[in-house]
Amino acid sequence: MLLQRLEMTVKPSTNDRSTMVEALERREDALLSAMVGLFRQGQQPHHEAYPEHFGPVDDTAKIVHYLQNFLKPRNPLRQRYGFAKGWYVDGEMMGYLLYRVSRSDDIFYGKPRWNCFIEDIVVDARARGMGGASALMEALVDEVAALGECAVSGNVWRMNEASQALFEKHGFEALSQTFFKVTP
């Protein structure tokens, strides 16, 4: 009789941990530092696979500027359309989701409704498999549902199977392809 050894990856149970999703609306240095670390971790494979489309992951100033666009603006007269949510495990940020909300008649000729575009979703490698990405996605969908009819979408790069599986798990379907070309 042949015995096989099964190896399993054991992920920490969220039952033993306190998890939560909250809106990110402040521009604090500690928050931005955590987000920059997650950004680098999540974007590294994209930067390596498609360097012509992404900036360097070591340009902290540009990354901070990009992330600040999704946090509450300092100028109260500026119309806000970029938002962020954070996923916390035992009080430590372990993931985030960046998204933009607009009216369809502002950006697209078609049925008037709200549009929500998911810009980025990242979960720390140490916490993957604990439900963070799903918690962020569910919190987002619940929030935009309160607006009324809202089309929620996002791009997934070809090599990102985990993100594709996340979207499909939450009922999204691929309706189009995005084509890229960088001009000189």
C-alpha atoms as a PDB file:
ATOM      1  CA  MET A   1       0.000   0.000   0.000  1.00  0.00           C
ATOM      2  CA  LEU A   2       1.394   3.345  -1.066  1.00  0.00           C
ATOM      3  CA  LEU A   3       1.125   6.150   1.447  1.00  0.00           C
ATOM      4  CA  GLN A   4       1.023   9.689   0.204  1.00  0.00           C
ATOM      5  CA  ARG A   5       2.064  12.613   2.294  1.00  0.00           C
ATOM      6  CA  LEU A   6      -0.339  15.505   1.922  1.00  0.00           C
ATOM      7  CA  GLU A   7       1.031  18.945   2.570  1.00  0.00           C
ATOM      8  CA  MET A   8      -1.402  21.659   3.469  1.00  0.00           C
ATOM      9  CA  THR A   9      -0.920  25.354   3.851  1.00  0.00           C
ATOM     10  CA  VAL A  10      -2.502  26.384   7.097  1.00  0.00           C
ATOM     11  CA  LYS A  11      -3.861  29.900   7.097  1.00  0.00           C
ATOM     12  CA  PRO A  12      -4.612  31.669  10.351  1.00  0.00           C
ATOM     13  CA  SER A  13      -8.277  31.512  11.224  1.00  0.00           C
ATOM     14  CA  THR A  14     -10.110  34.813  11.285  1.00  0.00           C
ATOM     15  CA  ASN A  15     -12.151  33.374  14.177  1.00  0.00           C
ATOM     16  CA  ASP A  16      -9.201  34.052  16.464  1.00  0.00           C
ATOM     17  CA  ARG A  17      -8.685  37.550  15.151  1.00  0.00           C
ATOM     18  CA  SER A  18     -10.562  40.802  15.043  1.00  0.00           C
ATOM     19  CA  THR A  19     -11.150  41.974  11.459  1.00  0.00           C
ATOM     20  CA  MET A  20     -12.935  45.016  10.114  1.00  0.00           C
ATOM     21  CA  VAL A  21     -13.335  47.183   7.034  1.00  0.00           C
ATOM     22  CA  GLU A  22     -13.466  50.943   7.390  1.00  0.00           C
ATOM     23  CA  ALA A  23     -13.518  53.953   5.111  1.00  0.00           C
ATOM     24  CA  LEU A  24     -10.122  55.618   4.825  1.00  0.00           C
ATOM     25  CA  GLU A  25     -10.635  59.354   4.986  1.00  0.00           C
ATOM     26  CA  ARG A  26      -7.528  60.829   6.533  1.00  0.00           C
ATOM     27  CA  ARG A  27      -4.101  61.750   5.273  1.00  0.00           C
ATOM     28  CA  GLU A  28      -2.026  60.634   8.232  1.00  0.00           C
ATOM     29  CA  ASP A  29       1.612  59.684   7.756  1.00  0.00           C
ATOM     30  CA  ALA A  30       1.166  56.272   9.432  1.00  0.00           C
ATOM     31  CA  LEU A  31      -1.809  55.412   7.220  1.00  0.00           C
ATOM     32  CA  LEU A  32       0.007  56.482   4.058  1.00  0.00           C
ATOM     33  CA  SER A  33       3.109  54.565   5.099  1.00  0.00           C
ATOM     34  CA  ALA A  34       1.061  51.373   5.550  1.00  0.00           C
ATOM     35  CA  MET A  35      -0.669  51.944   2.220  1.00  0.00           C
ATOM     36  CA  VAL A  36       2.650  52.552   0.419  1.00  0.00           C
ATOM     37  CA  GLY A  37       3.969  49.243   1.756  1.00  0.00           C
ATOM     38  CA  LEU A  38       0.867  47.403   0.589  1.00  0.00           C
ATOM     39  CA  PHE A  39       0.934  49.216  -2.765  1.00  0.00           C
ATOM     40  CA  ARG A  40       4.509  48.113  -3.402  1.00  0.00           C
ATOM     41  CA  GLN A  41       3.708  44.544  -2.442  1.00  0.00           C
ATOM     42  CA  GLY A  42       0.604  44.394  -4.624  1.00  0.00           C
ATOM     43  CA  GLN A  43       1.998  46.258  -7.618  1.00  0.00           C
ATOM     44  CA  GLN A  44       5.417  44.599  -7.866  1.00  0.00           C
ATOM     45  CA  PRO A  45       4.240  41.756 -10.145  1.00  0.00           C
ATOM     46  CA  HIS A  46       2.463  44.249 -12.427  1.00  0.00           C
ATOM     47  CA  HIS A  47       5.500  46.507 -12.632  1.00  0.00           C
ATOM     48  CA  GLU A  48       7.696  43.543 -13.535  1.00  0.00           C
ATOM     49  CA  ALA A  49       5.273  42.148 -16.137  1.00  0.00           C
ATOM     50  CA  TYR A  50       4.281  45.473 -17.733  1.00  0.00           C
ATOM     51  CA  PRO A  51       7.007  48.073 -17.052  1.00  0.00           C
ATOM     52  CA  GLU A  52       5.819  50.259 -19.954  1.00  0.00           C
ATOM     53  CA  HIS A  53       2.469  50.821 -18.194  1.00  0.00           C
ATOM     54  CA  PHE A  54       3.549  51.306 -14.581  1.00  0.00           C
ATOM     55  CA  GLY A  55       5.885  53.687 -12.808  1.00  0.00           C
ATOM     56  CA  PRO A  56       8.677  52.451 -10.544  1.00  0.00           C
ATOM     57  CA  VAL A  57       7.583  50.985  -7.208  1.00  0.00           C
ATOM     58  CA  ASP A  58      10.406  52.781  -5.396  1.00  0.00           C
ATOM     59  CA  ASP A  59       9.165  56.334  -6.145  1.00  0.00           C
ATOM     60  CA  THR A  60       7.587  56.989  -2.753  1.00  0.00           C
ATOM     61  CA  ALA A  61       6.606  60.597  -3.498  1.00  0.00           C
ATOM     62  CA  LYS A  62       4.591  59.631  -6.588  1.00  0.00           C
ATOM     63  CA  ILE A  63       3.001  56.666  -4.829  1.00  0.00           C
ATOM     64  CA  VAL A  64       1.941  58.868  -1.888  1.00  0.00           C
ATOM     65  CA  HIS A  65       0.522  61.469  -4.288  1.00  0.00           C
ATOM     66  CA  TYR A  66      -1.458  58.745  -6.096  1.00  0.00           C
ATOM     67  CA  LEU A  67      -2.815  57.286  -2.839  1.00  0.00           C
ATOM     68  CA  GLN A  68      -3.746  60.722  -1.468  1.00  0.00           C
ATOM     69  CA  ASN A  69      -6.173  61.126  -4.375  1.00  0.00           C
ATOM     70  CA  PHE A  70      -8.372  58.500  -2.711  1.00  0.00           C
ATOM     71  CA  LEU A  71      -8.329  60.010   0.769  1.00  0.00           C
ATOM     72  CA  LYS A  72     -10.477  62.872   2.007  1.00  0.00           C
ATOM     73  CA  PRO A  73      -9.336  66.072   0.301  1.00  0.00           C
ATOM     74  CA  ARG A  74      -7.946  68.917   2.354  1.00  0.00           C
ATOM     75  CA  ASN A  75      -9.823  71.438   0.222  1.00  0.00           C
ATOM     76  CA  PRO A  76     -13.551  71.176   1.061  1.00  0.00           C
ATOM     77  CA  LEU A  77     -14.465  72.851  -2.252  1.00  0.00           C
ATOM     78  CA  ARG A  78     -12.889  70.050  -4.298  1.00  0.00           C
ATOM     79  CA  GLN A  79     -15.452  67.591  -5.575  1.00  0.00           C
ATOM     80  CA  ARG A  80     -14.578  64.142  -4.319  1.00  0.00           C
ATOM     81  CA  TYR A  81     -14.842  61.060  -6.465  1.00  0.00           C
ATOM     82  CA  GLY A  82     -11.911  58.902  -5.303  1.00  0.00           C
ATOM     83  CA  PHE A  83     -12.377  56.793  -2.179  1.00  0.00           C
ATOM     84  CA  ALA A  84     -10.587  54.103  -0.191  1.00  0.00           C
ATOM     85  CA  LYS A  85     -11.432  51.332   2.236  1.00  0.00           C
ATOM     86  CA  GLY A  86      -9.013  49.566   4.550  1.00  0.00           C
ATOM     87  CA  TRP A  87      -9.126  46.011   5.900  1.00  0.00           C
ATOM     88  CA  TYR A  88      -7.716  45.600   9.381  1.00  0.00           C
ATOM     89  CA  VAL A  89      -6.683  42.480  11.294  1.00  0.00           C
ATOM     90  CA  ASP A  90      -6.203  43.027  15.023  1.00  0.00           C
ATOM     91  CA  GLY A  91      -5.902  46.761  14.384  1.00  0.00           C
ATOM     92  CA  GLU A  92      -3.221  46.485  11.670  1.00  0.00           C
ATOM     93  CA  MET A  93      -4.033  47.491   8.105  1.00  0.00           C
ATOM     94  CA  MET A  94      -3.632  44.358   6.024  1.00  0.00           C
ATOM     95  CA  GLY A  95      -5.338  45.477   2.816  1.00  0.00           C
ATOM     96  CA  TYR A  96      -7.038  48.287   0.978  1.00  0.00           C
ATOM     97  CA  LEU A  97      -9.369  48.928  -1.922  1.00  0.00           C
ATOM     98  CA  LEU A  98      -9.261  52.126  -4.017  1.00  0.00           C
ATOM     99  CA  TYR A  99     -12.243  53.146  -6.121  1.00  0.00           C
ATOM    100  CA  ARG A 100     -13.804  56.048  -8.004  1.00  0.00           C
ATOM    101  CA  VAL A 101     -17.484  56.923  -8.128  1.00  0.00           C
ATOM    102  CA  SER A 102     -19.111  59.099 -10.799  1.00  0.00           C
ATOM    103  CA  ARG A 103     -22.364  59.579 -12.662  1.00  0.00           C
ATOM    104  CA  SER A 104     -22.439  57.751 -15.995  1.00  0.00           C
ATOM    105  CA  ASP A 105     -23.623  60.817 -17.877  1.00  0.00           C
ATOM    106  CA  ASP A 106     -20.382  62.550 -16.816  1.00  0.00           C
ATOM    107  CA  ILE A 107     -18.108  59.922 -18.384  1.00  0.00           C
ATOM    108  CA  PHE A 108     -20.090  57.695 -20.714  1.00  0.00           C
ATOM    109  CA  TYR A 109     -22.988  58.089 -23.098  1.00  0.00           C
ATOM    110  CA  GLY A 110     -25.525  55.551 -21.965  1.00  0.00           C
ATOM    111  CA  LYS A 111     -28.140  54.870 -19.353  1.00  0.00           C
ATOM    112  CA  PRO A 112     -27.878  57.448 -16.530  1.00  0.00           C
ATOM    113  CA  ARG A 113     -26.655  55.710 -13.392  1.00  0.00           C
ATOM    114  CA  TRP A 114     -23.791  55.669 -10.966  1.00  0.00           C
ATOM    115  CA  ASN A 115     -20.508  54.062 -11.969  1.00  0.00           C
ATOM    116  CA  CYS A 116     -17.937  52.707  -9.575  1.00  0.00           C
ATOM    117  CA  PHE A 117     -14.530  51.754 -10.907  1.00  0.00           C
ATOM    118  CA  ILE A 118     -12.245  49.657  -8.716  1.00  0.00           C
ATOM    119  CA  GLU A 119      -8.741  51.041  -9.184  1.00  0.00           C
ATOM    120  CA  ASP A 120      -6.769  48.720  -6.922  1.00  0.00           C
ATOM    121  CA  ILE A 121      -7.245  46.044  -4.302  1.00  0.00           C
ATOM    122  CA  VAL A 122      -4.339  44.692  -2.275  1.00  0.00           C
ATOM    123  CA  VAL A 123      -4.103  42.275   0.647  1.00  0.00           C
ATOM    124  CA  ASP A 124      -0.841  41.726   2.500  1.00  0.00           C
ATOM    125  CA  ALA A 125       0.754  38.383   1.590  1.00  0.00           C
ATOM    126  CA  ARG A 126       0.748  37.426   5.293  1.00  0.00           C
ATOM    127  CA  ALA A 127      -3.056  37.660   5.389  1.00  0.00           C
ATOM    128  CA  ARG A 128      -4.083  36.222   2.042  1.00  0.00           C
ATOM    129  CA  GLY A 129      -6.744  33.543   2.307  1.00  0.00           C
ATOM    130  CA  MET A 130      -8.311  35.145   5.373  1.00  0.00           C
ATOM    131  CA  GLY A 131     -11.173  36.788   3.463  1.00  0.00           C
ATOM    132  CA  GLY A 132      -9.817  40.341   3.329  1.00  0.00           C
ATOM    133  CA  ALA A 133     -10.332  40.911  -0.380  1.00  0.00           C
ATOM    134  CA  SER A 134     -13.880  39.549  -0.142  1.00  0.00           C
ATOM    135  CA  ALA A 135     -14.619  41.716   2.899  1.00  0.00           C
ATOM    136  CA  LEU A 136     -13.423  44.806   1.007  1.00  0.00           C
ATOM    137  CA  MET A 137     -15.410  43.888  -2.102  1.00  0.00           C
ATOM    138  CA  GLU A 138     -18.595  43.230  -0.093  1.00  0.00           C
ATOM    139  CA  ALA A 139     -18.255  46.516   1.816  1.00  0.00           C
ATOM    140  CA  LEU A 140     -17.836  48.399  -1.456  1.00  0.00           C
ATOM    141  CA  VAL A 141     -20.817  46.758  -3.149  1.00  0.00           C
ATOM    142  CA  ASP A 142     -22.988  47.409  -0.078  1.00  0.00           C
ATOM    143  CA  GLU A 143     -21.946  51.071  -0.034  1.00  0.00           C
ATOM    144  CA  VAL A 144     -22.602  51.811  -3.704  1.00  0.00           C
ATOM    145  CA  ALA A 145     -25.912  49.900  -3.631  1.00  0.00           C
ATOM    146  CA  ALA A 146     -27.206  52.726  -1.433  1.00  0.00           C
ATOM    147  CA  LEU A 147     -26.759  55.119  -4.398  1.00  0.00           C
ATOM    148  CA  GLY A 148     -29.340  53.244  -6.433  1.00  0.00           C
ATOM    149  CA  GLU A 149     -28.417  51.595  -9.703  1.00  0.00           C
ATOM    150  CA  CYS A 150     -24.636  51.470  -9.938  1.00  0.00           C
ATOM    151  CA  ALA A 151     -22.387  49.690 -12.437  1.00  0.00           C
ATOM    152  CA  VAL A 152     -19.303  48.426 -10.582  1.00  0.00           C
ATOM    153  CA  SER A 153     -16.296  47.468 -12.697  1.00  0.00           C
ATOM    154  CA  GLY A 154     -12.530  47.071 -12.634  1.00  0.00           C
ATOM    155  CA  ASN A 155      -9.629  46.009 -14.818  1.00  0.00           C
ATOM    156  CA  VAL A 156      -7.735  42.823 -14.075  1.00  0.00           C
ATOM    157  CA  TRP A 157      -4.350  42.321 -15.681  1.00  0.00           C
ATOM    158  CA  ARG A 158      -4.032  39.116 -17.673  1.00  0.00           C
ATOM    159  CA  MET A 159      -1.579  37.429 -15.276  1.00  0.00           C
ATOM    160  CA  ASN A 160      -3.584  38.242 -12.119  1.00  0.00           C
ATOM    161  CA  GLU A 161      -5.608  35.077 -11.600  1.00  0.00           C
ATOM    162  CA  ALA A 162      -6.370  35.856  -7.939  1.00  0.00           C
ATOM    163  CA  SER A 163      -8.115  39.129  -8.828  1.00  0.00           C
ATOM    164  CA  GLN A 164     -10.005  37.490 -11.660  1.00  0.00           C
ATOM    165  CA  ALA A 165     -11.241  34.799  -9.252  1.00  0.00           C
ATOM    166  CA  LEU A 166     -12.232  37.490  -6.721  1.00  0.00           C
ATOM    167  CA  PHE A 167     -14.375  39.365  -9.244  1.00  0.00           C
ATOM    168  CA  GLU A 168     -16.019  36.163 -10.456  1.00  0.00           C
ATOM    169  CA  LYS A 169     -16.677  35.015  -6.879  1.00  0.00           C
ATOM    170  CA  HIS A 170     -18.640  38.217  -6.292  1.00  0.00           C
ATOM    171  CA  GLY A 171     -20.805  37.889  -9.396  1.00  0.00           C
ATOM    172  CA  PHE A 172     -18.848  40.064 -11.841  1.00  0.00           C
ATOM    173  CA  GLU A 173     -18.582  38.946 -15.433  1.00  0.00           C
ATOM    174  CA  ALA A 174     -16.107  39.904 -18.146  1.00  0.00           C
ATOM    175  CA  LEU A 175     -17.968  42.055 -20.678  1.00  0.00           C
ATOM    176  CA  SER A 176     -15.091  43.671 -22.511  1.00  0.00           C
ATOM    177  CA  GLN A 177     -11.356  43.684 -23.030  1.00  0.00           C
ATOM    178  CA  THR A 178      -9.101  46.646 -22.447  1.00  0.00           C
ATOM    179  CA  PHE A 179      -6.412  47.262 -25.062  1.00  0.00           C
ATOM    180  CA  PHE A 180      -3.249  49.226 -24.286  1.00  0.00           C
ATOM    181  CA  LYS A 181      -0.671  50.944 -26.374  1.00  0.00           C
ATOM    182  CA  VAL A 182       1.923  53.378 -25.109  1.00  0.00           C
ATOM    183  CA  THR A 183       2.694  56.042 -27.691  1.00  0.00           C
ATOM    184  CA  PRO A 184       6.112  57.642 -27.973  1.00  0.00           C
END
